[in-house]
Amino acid sequence: MSFTSTLRKETNHLFDACYQHPFVQGIGKGELSKDQLIHYVKQDFEYLNAMIQTRAYTMAKCTSRDKMAFLNEGISFILSDETHPHHNFCDVAGVNYEALQGENLAPNAHHYSCYMLQVSQSGSLGEALAVALPCPWIYLDIGERLMNEIKPDKSHPFYPWISFYGTMDKSSLTETLSWLDELAEEAGKAECDRMRHHFVNGCKMEYMFFDMAYKQQAWPV
């Protein structure tokens, strides 16, 4: 079994926990409140800025132009395409997308963003890839499961969000998994353990991100 296949098997309970979280189930049922949607978009906009920076730090560790180009495509996707699901939430909430930008990060989003940036700067190339992997992998899993189980049509309030992730081409994810498998084969046990540790932590933080939005988490003081 490949390194990433093992990672997926070991974290199946975390993928399922994310899918079963009330925020994700609320997307499927079309039952999230305006304030929950606004909170999510505010935090995810800033989190994705950190993801862009994480990709850039990862790119700096590459020696292959092909890999640099691949990471650059990922950055372009976040900048240009991943605004679409945000706009869906904003449309349902009845708010302007630009008005939600520039917010301070809530505790869970702050921790997740700082963790990705720290690992991508101080860790190996494999560690930098591993820490950023849970986000796309979990979202594609959620989208696909919602499409298959909810079977939303265009009248569903969150059809654009669900269909965006549920019908997305998985070639980029597949390439990332293959790349990480190659790096794991070349790495020693200690580095592979760190890669696994960062991936598991990222999966847990994905759950906490949904929890943060559902509860509209703020700093207590």
N, C-alpha and C. Protein backbone atom coordinates (compact mmCIF):
# COMPACT_ATOMS: atom_id res chain seq x y z
N MET A 1 0.85 -1.20 0.00
CA MET A 1 0.00 0.00 0.00
C MET A 1 0.88 1.24 0.00
N SER A 2 0.56 2.21 -0.83
CA SER A 2 1.37 3.43 -0.93
C SER A 2 1.26 4.27 0.35
N PHE A 3 2.16 5.21 0.47
CA PHE A 3 2.18 6.10 1.64
C PHE A 3 0.87 6.85 1.78
N THR A 4 0.39 7.45 0.68
CA THR A 4 -0.83 8.24 0.77
C THR A 4 -2.08 7.36 0.94
N SER A 5 -2.05 6.15 0.40
CA SER A 5 -3.16 5.23 0.62
C SER A 5 -3.25 4.86 2.10
N THR A 6 -2.08 4.68 2.71
CA THR A 6 -2.05 4.38 4.14
C THR A 6 -2.55 5.57 4.95
N LEU A 7 -2.14 6.78 4.55
CA LEU A 7 -2.62 7.98 5.23
C LEU A 7 -4.15 8.06 5.17
N ARG A 8 -4.69 7.80 4.00
CA ARG A 8 -6.15 7.89 3.83
C ARG A 8 -6.87 6.86 4.69
N LYS A 9 -6.32 5.66 4.75
CA LYS A 9 -6.94 4.61 5.56
C LYS A 9 -6.88 4.97 7.04
N GLU A 10 -5.75 5.51 7.47
CA GLU A 10 -5.56 5.85 8.88
C GLU A 10 -6.43 7.02 9.32
N THR A 11 -6.84 7.86 8.39
CA THR A 11 -7.62 9.05 8.74
C THR A 11 -9.06 8.97 8.25
N ASN A 12 -9.51 7.79 7.91
CA ASN A 12 -10.88 7.65 7.41
C ASN A 12 -11.90 8.18 8.42
N HIS A 13 -11.62 7.96 9.73
CA HIS A 13 -12.54 8.44 10.75
C HIS A 13 -12.59 9.97 10.80
N LEU A 14 -11.47 10.62 10.44
CA LEU A 14 -11.44 12.08 10.43
C LEU A 14 -12.17 12.63 9.20
N PHE A 15 -12.00 11.98 8.05
CA PHE A 15 -12.76 12.37 6.86
C PHE A 15 -14.26 12.24 7.13
N ASP A 16 -14.64 11.13 7.78
CA ASP A 16 -16.06 10.91 8.06
C ASP A 16 -16.58 11.91 9.08
N ALA A 17 -15.74 12.25 10.08
CA ALA A 17 -16.15 13.23 11.08
C ALA A 17 -16.40 14.58 10.44
N CYS A 18 -15.55 14.96 9.49
CA CYS A 18 -15.75 16.23 8.78
C CYS A 18 -17.08 16.20 8.01
N TYR A 19 -17.33 15.10 7.33
CA TYR A 19 -18.57 15.01 6.55
C TYR A 19 -19.81 15.05 7.45
N GLN A 20 -19.71 14.42 8.61
CA GLN A 20 -20.86 14.35 9.51
C GLN A 20 -21.01 15.60 10.37
N HIS A 21 -20.06 16.53 10.30
CA HIS A 21 -20.17 17.73 11.13
C HIS A 21 -21.44 18.51 10.78
N PRO A 22 -22.10 19.11 11.77
CA PRO A 22 -23.34 19.85 11.50
C PRO A 22 -23.20 20.96 10.47
N PHE A 23 -22.02 21.57 10.34
CA PHE A 23 -21.86 22.62 9.33
C PHE A 23 -21.94 22.02 7.93
N VAL A 24 -21.24 20.92 7.72
CA VAL A 24 -21.28 20.27 6.41
C VAL A 24 -22.66 19.69 6.13
N GLN A 25 -23.25 19.08 7.13
CA GLN A 25 -24.61 18.56 6.94
C GLN A 25 -25.59 19.70 6.70
N GLY A 26 -25.31 20.87 7.29
CA GLY A 26 -26.14 22.04 7.05
C GLY A 26 -26.05 22.52 5.61
N ILE A 27 -24.87 22.36 5.01
CA ILE A 27 -24.74 22.68 3.58
C ILE A 27 -25.65 21.75 2.78
N GLY A 28 -25.56 20.45 3.11
CA GLY A 28 -26.37 19.48 2.38
C GLY A 28 -27.86 19.73 2.52
N LYS A 29 -28.28 20.14 3.71
CA LYS A 29 -29.71 20.36 3.97
C LYS A 29 -30.15 21.78 3.60
N GLY A 30 -29.19 22.65 3.30
CA GLY A 30 -29.52 24.04 2.99
C GLY A 30 -30.04 24.79 4.19
N GLU A 31 -29.49 24.49 5.37
CA GLU A 31 -30.06 25.03 6.61
C GLU A 31 -29.08 25.87 7.44
N LEU A 32 -28.00 26.37 6.86
CA LEU A 32 -27.07 27.20 7.62
C LEU A 32 -27.61 28.62 7.75
N SER A 33 -27.30 29.26 8.87
CA SER A 33 -27.78 30.62 9.10
C SER A 33 -26.90 31.64 8.38
N LYS A 34 -27.41 32.83 8.22
CA LYS A 34 -26.67 33.92 7.60
C LYS A 34 -25.36 34.17 8.34
N ASP A 35 -25.42 34.20 9.67
CA ASP A 35 -24.22 34.49 10.46
C ASP A 35 -23.18 33.39 10.33
N GLN A 36 -23.61 32.14 10.24
CA GLN A 36 -22.67 31.04 10.05
C GLN A 36 -21.98 31.14 8.70
N LEU A 37 -22.73 31.47 7.69
CA LEU A 37 -22.15 31.62 6.35
C LEU A 37 -21.15 32.76 6.30
N ILE A 38 -21.51 33.88 6.89
CA ILE A 38 -20.62 35.04 6.92
C ILE A 38 -19.34 34.72 7.67
N HIS A 39 -19.48 34.06 8.80
CA HIS A 39 -18.30 33.70 9.59
C HIS A 39 -17.36 32.81 8.80
N TYR A 40 -17.93 31.82 8.13
CA TYR A 40 -17.12 30.90 7.33
C TYR A 40 -16.36 31.65 6.24
N VAL A 41 -17.04 32.48 5.48
CA VAL A 41 -16.40 33.18 4.37
C VAL A 41 -15.30 34.11 4.87
N LYS A 42 -15.57 34.84 5.94
CA LYS A 42 -14.55 35.73 6.50
C LYS A 42 -13.28 34.96 6.84
N GLN A 43 -13.45 33.83 7.48
CA GLN A 43 -12.30 33.05 7.93
C GLN A 43 -11.63 32.31 6.77
N ASP A 44 -12.43 31.78 5.86
CA ASP A 44 -11.84 31.00 4.77
C ASP A 44 -11.08 31.88 3.79
N PHE A 45 -11.53 33.12 3.61
CA PHE A 45 -10.79 34.03 2.73
C PHE A 45 -9.37 34.22 3.26
N GLU A 46 -9.25 34.45 4.56
CA GLU A 46 -7.92 34.66 5.15
C GLU A 46 -7.12 33.36 5.20
N TYR A 47 -7.81 32.25 5.48
CA TYR A 47 -7.12 30.95 5.49
C TYR A 47 -6.54 30.63 4.11
N LEU A 48 -7.30 30.91 3.07
CA LEU A 48 -6.81 30.63 1.72
C LEU A 48 -5.64 31.53 1.34
N ASN A 49 -5.57 32.73 1.92
CA ASN A 49 -4.38 33.55 1.73
C ASN A 49 -3.16 32.83 2.29
N ALA A 50 -3.34 32.21 3.46
CA ALA A 50 -2.25 31.44 4.07
C ALA A 50 -1.92 30.21 3.23
N MET A 51 -2.93 29.60 2.61
CA MET A 51 -2.69 28.46 1.74
C MET A 51 -1.87 28.87 0.52
N ILE A 52 -2.17 30.03 -0.05
CA ILE A 52 -1.39 30.54 -1.18
C ILE A 52 0.06 30.72 -0.77
N GLN A 53 0.29 31.29 0.40
CA GLN A 53 1.64 31.49 0.88
C GLN A 53 2.33 30.15 1.15
N THR A 54 1.57 29.19 1.66
CA THR A 54 2.11 27.85 1.90
C THR A 54 2.57 27.22 0.59
N ARG A 55 1.76 27.36 -0.46
CA ARG A 55 2.14 26.84 -1.78
C ARG A 55 3.40 27.53 -2.28
N ALA A 56 3.52 28.83 -2.02
CA ALA A 56 4.69 29.58 -2.48
C ALA A 56 5.95 29.11 -1.75
N TYR A 57 5.85 28.90 -0.43
CA TYR A 57 7.00 28.39 0.31
C TYR A 57 7.37 26.98 -0.15
N THR A 58 6.35 26.20 -0.49
CA THR A 58 6.61 24.85 -1.00
C THR A 58 7.32 24.92 -2.34
N MET A 59 6.89 25.85 -3.19
CA MET A 59 7.51 26.02 -4.49
C MET A 59 8.99 26.38 -4.34
N ALA A 60 9.31 27.15 -3.32
CA ALA A 60 10.70 27.57 -3.11
C ALA A 60 11.61 26.39 -2.79
N LYS A 61 11.03 25.26 -2.37
CA LYS A 61 11.81 24.07 -2.06
C LYS A 61 12.02 23.18 -3.28
N CYS A 62 11.35 23.51 -4.39
CA CYS A 62 11.41 22.69 -5.60
C CYS A 62 12.64 23.03 -6.44
N THR A 63 13.14 22.03 -7.12
CA THR A 63 14.22 22.23 -8.09
C THR A 63 13.74 21.96 -9.51
N SER A 64 12.56 21.40 -9.64
CA SER A 64 11.98 21.08 -10.95
C SER A 64 11.00 22.17 -11.37
N ARG A 65 11.18 22.68 -12.58
CA ARG A 65 10.25 23.69 -13.09
C ARG A 65 8.85 23.12 -13.30
N ASP A 66 8.78 21.83 -13.63
CA ASP A 66 7.47 21.21 -13.79
C ASP A 66 6.69 21.25 -12.48
N LYS A 67 7.37 20.96 -11.38
CA LYS A 67 6.72 20.99 -10.07
C LYS A 67 6.39 22.42 -9.67
N MET A 68 7.28 23.36 -10.01
CA MET A 68 6.98 24.76 -9.73
C MET A 68 5.72 25.20 -10.48
N ALA A 69 5.62 24.80 -11.74
CA ALA A 69 4.45 25.15 -12.54
C ALA A 69 3.19 24.53 -11.96
N PHE A 70 3.30 23.30 -11.48
CA PHE A 70 2.16 22.61 -10.89
C PHE A 70 1.65 23.36 -9.66
N LEU A 71 2.57 23.78 -8.79
CA LEU A 71 2.18 24.52 -7.60
C LEU A 71 1.62 25.89 -7.96
N ASN A 72 2.19 26.49 -8.99
CA ASN A 72 1.69 27.79 -9.45
C ASN A 72 0.26 27.68 -9.96
N GLU A 73 -0.06 26.57 -10.62
CA GLU A 73 -1.44 26.35 -11.07
C GLU A 73 -2.38 26.27 -9.88
N GLY A 74 -1.91 25.65 -8.80
CA GLY A 74 -2.72 25.56 -7.59
C GLY A 74 -2.98 26.93 -6.99
N ILE A 75 -1.96 27.78 -7.01
CA ILE A 75 -2.13 29.14 -6.51
C ILE A 75 -3.13 29.90 -7.36
N SER A 76 -3.03 29.75 -8.68
CA SER A 76 -3.96 30.43 -9.59
C SER A 76 -5.39 29.95 -9.37
N PHE A 77 -5.54 28.65 -9.09
CA PHE A 77 -6.87 28.10 -8.84
C PHE A 77 -7.50 28.76 -7.61
N ILE A 78 -6.72 28.90 -6.54
CA ILE A 78 -7.25 29.52 -5.32
C ILE A 78 -7.64 30.97 -5.58
N LEU A 79 -6.78 31.69 -6.31
CA LEU A 79 -7.02 33.11 -6.58
C LEU A 79 -8.21 33.34 -7.50
N SER A 80 -8.37 32.48 -8.49
CA SER A 80 -9.38 32.75 -9.53
C SER A 80 -10.65 31.92 -9.42
N ASP A 81 -10.52 30.66 -9.02
CA ASP A 81 -11.66 29.74 -9.06
C ASP A 81 -12.31 29.49 -7.71
N GLU A 82 -11.51 29.44 -6.66
CA GLU A 82 -12.09 29.07 -5.36
C GLU A 82 -12.84 30.22 -4.70
N THR A 83 -12.99 31.31 -5.42
CA THR A 83 -13.89 32.37 -4.96
C THR A 83 -15.35 32.03 -5.25
N HIS A 84 -15.59 31.11 -6.20
CA HIS A 84 -16.97 30.79 -6.59
C HIS A 84 -17.81 30.23 -5.43
N PRO A 85 -17.30 29.26 -4.67
CA PRO A 85 -18.11 28.79 -3.53
C PRO A 85 -18.32 29.87 -2.48
N HIS A 86 -17.35 30.77 -2.32
CA HIS A 86 -17.54 31.90 -1.40
C HIS A 86 -18.70 32.78 -1.86
N HIS A 87 -18.75 33.05 -3.15
CA HIS A 87 -19.82 33.88 -3.69
C HIS A 87 -21.18 33.22 -3.48
N ASN A 88 -21.25 31.90 -3.56
CA ASN A 88 -22.50 31.19 -3.31
C ASN A 88 -22.99 31.45 -1.89
N PHE A 89 -22.10 31.31 -0.91
CA PHE A 89 -22.47 31.58 0.48
C PHE A 89 -22.89 33.03 0.66
N CYS A 90 -22.16 33.95 0.04
CA CYS A 90 -22.49 35.37 0.16
C CYS A 90 -23.84 35.69 -0.47
N ASP A 91 -24.14 35.07 -1.60
CA ASP A 91 -25.43 35.29 -2.26
C ASP A 91 -26.57 34.83 -1.37
N VAL A 92 -26.40 33.66 -0.76
CA VAL A 92 -27.46 33.14 0.12
C VAL A 92 -27.60 34.02 1.36
N ALA A 93 -26.47 34.50 1.88
CA ALA A 93 -26.50 35.36 3.08
C ALA A 93 -26.93 36.79 2.77
N GLY A 94 -26.88 37.15 1.48
CA GLY A 94 -27.28 38.49 1.10
C GLY A 94 -26.26 39.55 1.46
N VAL A 95 -24.98 39.21 1.33
CA VAL A 95 -23.91 40.16 1.68
C VAL A 95 -22.93 40.28 0.52
N ASN A 96 -22.16 41.35 0.54
CA ASN A 96 -21.15 41.59 -0.49
C ASN A 96 -19.86 40.88 -0.12
N TYR A 97 -19.31 40.12 -1.05
CA TYR A 97 -18.11 39.33 -0.80
C TYR A 97 -16.94 40.21 -0.36
N GLU A 98 -16.72 41.32 -1.06
CA GLU A 98 -15.59 42.18 -0.76
C GLU A 98 -15.67 42.76 0.65
N ALA A 99 -16.88 42.92 1.17
CA ALA A 99 -17.05 43.49 2.50
C ALA A 99 -16.60 42.54 3.61
N LEU A 100 -16.42 41.27 3.27
CA LEU A 100 -16.06 40.27 4.28
C LEU A 100 -14.56 39.99 4.33
N GLN A 101 -13.81 40.70 3.53
CA GLN A 101 -12.37 40.45 3.45
C GLN A 101 -11.60 41.33 4.43
N GLY A 102 -10.45 40.81 4.89
CA GLY A 102 -9.60 41.58 5.79
C GLY A 102 -9.94 41.43 7.26
N GLU A 103 -10.67 40.37 7.61
CA GLU A 103 -11.05 40.14 9.01
C GLU A 103 -9.91 39.46 9.78
N ASN A 104 -9.90 39.66 11.10
CA ASN A 104 -8.96 38.94 11.94
C ASN A 104 -9.36 37.48 12.02
N LEU A 105 -8.37 36.61 12.11
CA LEU A 105 -8.65 35.18 12.18
C LEU A 105 -9.15 34.79 13.57
N ALA A 106 -10.18 33.94 13.60
CA ALA A 106 -10.64 33.34 14.85
C ALA A 106 -9.61 32.31 15.30
N PRO A 107 -9.66 31.87 16.57
CA PRO A 107 -8.62 30.98 17.10
C PRO A 107 -8.31 29.75 16.24
N ASN A 108 -9.33 29.02 15.81
CA ASN A 108 -9.06 27.79 15.06
C ASN A 108 -8.44 28.09 13.70
N ALA A 109 -8.95 29.09 13.01
CA ALA A 109 -8.40 29.45 11.70
C ALA A 109 -6.98 30.01 11.85
N HIS A 110 -6.76 30.76 12.91
CA HIS A 110 -5.43 31.32 13.18
C HIS A 110 -4.42 30.19 13.39
N HIS A 111 -4.79 29.21 14.21
CA HIS A 111 -3.89 28.10 14.51
C HIS A 111 -3.58 27.30 13.25
N TYR A 112 -4.60 27.01 12.47
CA TYR A 112 -4.43 26.22 11.25
C TYR A 112 -3.53 26.96 10.26
N SER A 113 -3.80 28.23 10.06
CA SER A 113 -3.02 29.02 9.10
C SER A 113 -1.55 29.10 9.52
N CYS A 114 -1.33 29.41 10.79
CA CYS A 114 0.05 29.52 11.28
C CYS A 114 0.77 28.18 11.22
N TYR A 115 0.05 27.11 11.49
CA TYR A 115 0.66 25.78 11.45
C TYR A 115 1.13 25.44 10.03
N MET A 116 0.29 25.67 9.04
CA MET A 116 0.67 25.41 7.65
C MET A 116 1.89 26.23 7.25
N LEU A 117 1.88 27.50 7.60
CA LEU A 117 2.98 28.38 7.23
C LEU A 117 4.28 27.97 7.91
N GLN A 118 4.19 27.58 9.18
CA GLN A 118 5.39 27.17 9.91
C GLN A 118 5.99 25.91 9.31
N VAL A 119 5.16 24.93 9.01
CA VAL A 119 5.66 23.67 8.44
C VAL A 119 6.21 23.89 7.04
N SER A 120 5.53 24.70 6.24
CA SER A 120 5.98 24.92 4.86
C SER A 120 7.30 25.68 4.81
N GLN A 121 7.61 26.44 5.84
CA GLN A 121 8.87 27.18 5.88
C GLN A 121 10.00 26.35 6.48
N SER A 122 9.72 25.65 7.56
CA SER A 122 10.79 24.97 8.30
C SER A 122 10.92 23.49 7.95
N GLY A 123 9.90 22.90 7.37
CA GLY A 123 9.93 21.47 7.08
C GLY A 123 10.50 21.16 5.71
N SER A 124 10.52 19.89 5.39
CA SER A 124 11.00 19.42 4.08
C SER A 124 9.93 19.65 3.03
N LEU A 125 10.27 19.38 1.79
CA LEU A 125 9.30 19.49 0.70
C LEU A 125 8.13 18.54 0.95
N GLY A 126 8.42 17.32 1.38
CA GLY A 126 7.36 16.37 1.67
C GLY A 126 6.45 16.82 2.79
N GLU A 127 7.03 17.41 3.82
CA GLU A 127 6.22 17.92 4.93
C GLU A 127 5.33 19.07 4.48
N ALA A 128 5.89 19.94 3.64
CA ALA A 128 5.11 21.08 3.14
C ALA A 128 3.92 20.61 2.31
N LEU A 129 4.12 19.57 1.50
CA LEU A 129 3.02 19.02 0.71
C LEU A 129 1.99 18.35 1.62
N ALA A 130 2.47 17.62 2.62
CA ALA A 130 1.57 16.85 3.49
C ALA A 130 0.67 17.74 4.32
N VAL A 131 1.20 18.86 4.81
CA VAL A 131 0.41 19.70 5.70
C VAL A 131 -0.71 20.42 4.94
N ALA A 132 -0.53 20.63 3.64
CA ALA A 132 -1.55 21.32 2.83
C ALA A 132 -2.50 20.36 2.14
N LEU A 133 -2.27 19.06 2.26
CA LEU A 133 -3.07 18.07 1.55
C LEU A 133 -4.47 17.84 2.10
N PRO A 134 -4.69 17.90 3.43
CA PRO A 134 -6.04 17.61 3.93
C PRO A 134 -7.12 18.50 3.34
N CYS A 135 -6.84 19.77 3.14
CA CYS A 135 -7.87 20.70 2.66
C CYS A 135 -8.48 20.25 1.33
N PRO A 136 -7.69 20.11 0.26
CA PRO A 136 -8.33 19.69 -1.00
C PRO A 136 -8.90 18.28 -0.94
N TRP A 137 -8.22 17.38 -0.25
CA TRP A 137 -8.68 15.99 -0.23
C TRP A 137 -10.02 15.87 0.49
N ILE A 138 -10.16 16.54 1.63
CA ILE A 138 -11.39 16.46 2.40
C ILE A 138 -12.53 17.17 1.68
N TYR A 139 -12.25 18.32 1.07
CA TYR A 139 -13.31 19.04 0.38
C TYR A 139 -13.84 18.27 -0.83
N LEU A 140 -12.95 17.63 -1.57
CA LEU A 140 -13.40 16.83 -2.70
C LEU A 140 -14.22 15.63 -2.22
N ASP A 141 -13.82 15.05 -1.10
CA ASP A 141 -14.58 13.94 -0.52
C ASP A 141 -15.97 14.40 -0.09
N ILE A 142 -16.03 15.55 0.57
CA ILE A 142 -17.32 16.09 1.01
C ILE A 142 -18.22 16.39 -0.18
N GLY A 143 -17.65 17.07 -1.18
CA GLY A 143 -18.45 17.42 -2.35
C GLY A 143 -19.01 16.21 -3.06
N GLU A 144 -18.17 15.19 -3.23
CA GLU A 144 -18.61 13.98 -3.92
C GLU A 144 -19.69 13.26 -3.13
N ARG A 145 -19.52 13.19 -1.81
CA ARG A 145 -20.52 12.51 -0.97
C ARG A 145 -21.84 13.26 -0.96
N LEU A 146 -21.78 14.58 -0.91
CA LEU A 146 -23.02 15.36 -0.94
C LEU A 146 -23.73 15.21 -2.27
N MET A 147 -22.97 15.21 -3.36
CA MET A 147 -23.59 15.03 -4.68
C MET A 147 -24.27 13.68 -4.77
N ASN A 148 -23.63 12.65 -4.25
CA ASN A 148 -24.17 11.29 -4.34
C ASN A 148 -25.33 11.05 -3.38
N GLU A 149 -25.27 11.64 -2.19
CA GLU A 149 -26.28 11.36 -1.18
C GLU A 149 -27.44 12.35 -1.20
N ILE A 150 -27.13 13.64 -1.41
CA ILE A 150 -28.19 14.65 -1.44
C ILE A 150 -28.82 14.76 -2.82
N LYS A 151 -27.97 14.55 -3.84
CA LYS A 151 -28.39 14.69 -5.25
C LYS A 151 -29.10 16.04 -5.47
N PRO A 152 -28.40 17.13 -5.16
CA PRO A 152 -29.04 18.45 -5.28
C PRO A 152 -29.26 18.85 -6.74
N ASP A 153 -30.33 19.59 -6.98
CA ASP A 153 -30.50 20.21 -8.29
C ASP A 153 -30.23 21.69 -8.14
N LYS A 154 -30.43 22.46 -9.21
CA LYS A 154 -30.06 23.87 -9.19
C LYS A 154 -30.96 24.72 -8.30
N SER A 155 -32.04 24.14 -7.79
CA SER A 155 -32.89 24.87 -6.86
C SER A 155 -32.33 24.84 -5.44
N HIS A 156 -31.38 23.95 -5.19
CA HIS A 156 -30.77 23.86 -3.86
C HIS A 156 -29.96 25.13 -3.61
N PRO A 157 -30.11 25.76 -2.43
CA PRO A 157 -29.40 27.03 -2.18
C PRO A 157 -27.88 26.93 -2.28
N PHE A 158 -27.35 25.75 -1.98
CA PHE A 158 -25.90 25.58 -2.02
C PHE A 158 -25.45 24.67 -3.16
N TYR A 159 -26.28 24.59 -4.19
CA TYR A 159 -25.88 23.78 -5.35
C TYR A 159 -24.56 24.23 -5.94
N PRO A 160 -24.27 25.54 -6.10
CA PRO A 160 -22.97 25.94 -6.65
C PRO A 160 -21.79 25.46 -5.80
N TRP A 161 -21.93 25.52 -4.47
CA TRP A 161 -20.86 25.07 -3.58
C TRP A 161 -20.68 23.55 -3.72
N ILE A 162 -21.78 22.81 -3.61
CA ILE A 162 -21.69 21.35 -3.65
C ILE A 162 -21.17 20.86 -4.99
N SER A 163 -21.69 21.40 -6.07
CA SER A 163 -21.29 20.94 -7.41
C SER A 163 -19.85 21.36 -7.72
N PHE A 164 -19.40 22.50 -7.17
CA PHE A 164 -18.03 22.96 -7.40
C PHE A 164 -17.04 21.91 -6.92
N TYR A 165 -17.24 21.43 -5.70
CA TYR A 165 -16.33 20.43 -5.14
C TYR A 165 -16.72 19.01 -5.54
N GLY A 166 -18.00 18.78 -5.75
CA GLY A 166 -18.47 17.43 -6.03
C GLY A 166 -18.22 16.94 -7.43
N THR A 167 -18.00 17.85 -8.36
CA THR A 167 -17.76 17.44 -9.76
C THR A 167 -16.38 17.88 -10.25
N MET A 168 -15.53 18.27 -9.34
CA MET A 168 -14.22 18.80 -9.72
C MET A 168 -13.31 17.70 -10.28
N ASP A 169 -12.53 18.07 -11.27
CA ASP A 169 -11.52 17.19 -11.83
C ASP A 169 -10.50 16.86 -10.74
N LYS A 170 -10.23 15.59 -10.53
CA LYS A 170 -9.35 15.17 -9.45
C LYS A 170 -7.90 14.96 -9.90
N SER A 171 -7.57 15.40 -11.11
CA SER A 171 -6.22 15.15 -11.62
C SER A 171 -5.15 15.85 -10.79
N SER A 172 -5.45 17.05 -10.28
CA SER A 172 -4.48 17.77 -9.46
C SER A 172 -4.23 17.03 -8.15
N LEU A 173 -5.29 16.54 -7.53
CA LEU A 173 -5.14 15.77 -6.29
C LEU A 173 -4.35 14.50 -6.57
N THR A 174 -4.67 13.80 -7.65
CA THR A 174 -3.96 12.57 -8.00
C THR A 174 -2.47 12.82 -8.19
N GLU A 175 -2.14 13.93 -8.86
CA GLU A 175 -0.74 14.26 -9.07
C GLU A 175 -0.03 14.57 -7.76
N THR A 176 -0.71 15.26 -6.86
CA THR A 176 -0.13 15.56 -5.56
C THR A 176 0.13 14.28 -4.77
N LEU A 177 -0.82 13.36 -4.80
CA LEU A 177 -0.65 12.09 -4.08
C LEU A 177 0.53 11.30 -4.64
N SER A 178 0.66 11.25 -5.94
CA SER A 178 1.77 10.53 -6.56
C SER A 178 3.10 11.17 -6.20
N TRP A 179 3.13 12.49 -6.19
CA TRP A 179 4.34 13.22 -5.84
C TRP A 179 4.74 12.94 -4.39
N LEU A 180 3.76 12.97 -3.50
CA LEU A 180 4.05 12.71 -2.09
C LEU A 180 4.50 11.27 -1.88
N ASP A 181 3.93 10.35 -2.63
CA ASP A 181 4.37 8.95 -2.55
C ASP A 181 5.83 8.81 -2.97
N GLU A 182 6.22 9.52 -4.02
CA GLU A 182 7.60 9.48 -4.49
C GLU A 182 8.55 10.04 -3.43
N LEU A 183 8.15 11.14 -2.81
CA LEU A 183 8.99 11.74 -1.77
C LEU A 183 9.08 10.84 -0.55
N ALA A 184 7.99 10.15 -0.23
CA ALA A 184 8.00 9.24 0.92
C ALA A 184 8.94 8.06 0.69
N GLU A 185 9.02 7.59 -0.55
CA GLU A 185 9.91 6.48 -0.87
C GLU A 185 11.37 6.87 -0.68
N GLU A 186 11.67 8.15 -0.92
CA GLU A 186 13.04 8.64 -0.79
C GLU A 186 13.37 9.07 0.63
N ALA A 187 12.36 9.33 1.44
CA ALA A 187 12.57 9.86 2.79
C ALA A 187 12.86 8.74 3.78
N GLY A 188 13.50 9.11 4.86
CA GLY A 188 13.72 8.16 5.95
C GLY A 188 12.49 8.06 6.83
N LYS A 189 12.53 7.14 7.79
CA LYS A 189 11.38 6.92 8.66
C LYS A 189 11.01 8.17 9.44
N ALA A 190 12.00 8.89 9.93
CA ALA A 190 11.72 10.07 10.75
C ALA A 190 10.96 11.12 9.95
N GLU A 191 11.37 11.34 8.71
CA GLU A 191 10.68 12.32 7.88
C GLU A 191 9.28 11.86 7.52
N CYS A 192 9.13 10.58 7.21
CA CYS A 192 7.80 10.05 6.90
C CYS A 192 6.87 10.19 8.11
N ASP A 193 7.40 9.98 9.29
CA ASP A 193 6.59 10.15 10.49
C ASP A 193 6.14 11.60 10.65
N ARG A 194 7.02 12.53 10.33
CA ARG A 194 6.64 13.95 10.41
C ARG A 194 5.58 14.28 9.36
N MET A 195 5.73 13.74 8.16
CA MET A 195 4.74 13.96 7.11
C MET A 195 3.38 13.43 7.55
N ARG A 196 3.39 12.24 8.13
CA ARG A 196 2.14 11.64 8.61
C ARG A 196 1.54 12.49 9.72
N HIS A 197 2.37 12.96 10.63
CA HIS A 197 1.92 13.78 11.75
C HIS A 197 1.26 15.06 11.26
N HIS A 198 1.87 15.71 10.30
CA HIS A 198 1.31 16.96 9.77
C HIS A 198 0.00 16.72 9.03
N PHE A 199 -0.07 15.62 8.30
CA PHE A 199 -1.31 15.32 7.58
C PHE A 199 -2.45 15.06 8.56
N VAL A 200 -2.19 14.26 9.58
CA VAL A 200 -3.23 13.95 10.57
C VAL A 200 -3.67 15.23 11.28
N ASN A 201 -2.72 16.07 11.67
CA ASN A 201 -3.07 17.33 12.32
C ASN A 201 -3.93 18.19 11.41
N GLY A 202 -3.57 18.23 10.12
CA GLY A 202 -4.35 19.02 9.16
C GLY A 202 -5.78 18.53 9.05
N CYS A 203 -5.96 17.21 9.06
CA CYS A 203 -7.32 16.65 9.01
C CYS A 203 -8.13 17.06 10.24
N LYS A 204 -7.50 17.04 11.39
CA LYS A 204 -8.17 17.45 12.62
C LYS A 204 -8.54 18.93 12.57
N MET A 205 -7.63 19.73 11.99
CA MET A 205 -7.89 21.17 11.92
C MET A 205 -8.99 21.49 10.91
N GLU A 206 -9.13 20.65 9.87
CA GLU A 206 -10.26 20.83 8.96
C GLU A 206 -11.58 20.68 9.71
N TYR A 207 -11.65 19.68 10.57
CA TYR A 207 -12.85 19.50 11.39
C TYR A 207 -13.09 20.71 12.27
N MET A 208 -12.02 21.19 12.89
CA MET A 208 -12.15 22.33 13.79
C MET A 208 -12.52 23.61 13.04
N PHE A 209 -12.13 23.70 11.77
CA PHE A 209 -12.52 24.86 10.97
C PHE A 209 -14.04 24.88 10.76
N PHE A 210 -14.61 23.72 10.42
CA PHE A 210 -16.07 23.64 10.27
C PHE A 210 -16.75 23.94 11.60
N ASP A 211 -16.17 23.44 12.68
CA ASP A 211 -16.74 23.67 14.01
C ASP A 211 -16.71 25.15 14.37
N MET A 212 -15.61 25.81 14.01
CA MET A 212 -15.44 27.24 14.25
C MET A 212 -16.54 28.03 13.56
N ALA A 213 -16.82 27.70 12.28
CA ALA A 213 -17.84 28.42 11.53
C ALA A 213 -19.24 28.13 12.07
N TYR A 214 -19.49 26.89 12.42
CA TYR A 214 -20.81 26.50 12.92
C TYR A 214 -21.14 27.23 14.22
N LYS A 215 -20.13 27.33 15.10
CA LYS A 215 -20.33 27.97 16.41
C LYS A 215 -20.00 29.46 16.39
N GLN A 216 -19.54 29.96 15.23
CA GLN A 216 -19.15 31.37 15.07
C GLN A 216 -18.13 31.76 16.15
N GLN A 217 -17.09 30.96 16.20
CA GLN A 217 -16.06 31.13 17.23
C GLN A 217 -15.40 32.52 17.18
N ALA A 218 -15.17 33.08 18.35
CA ALA A 218 -14.44 34.35 18.45
C ALA A 218 -13.48 34.24 19.63
N TRP A 219 -12.56 35.17 19.68
CA TRP A 219 -11.63 35.19 20.82
C TRP A 219 -12.40 35.53 22.08
N PRO A 220 -12.15 34.84 23.19
CA PRO A 220 -12.94 35.07 24.42
C PRO A 220 -12.66 36.40 25.09
N VAL A 221 -11.51 36.99 24.79
CA VAL A 221 -11.20 38.30 25.42
C VAL A 221 -10.63 39.22 24.34
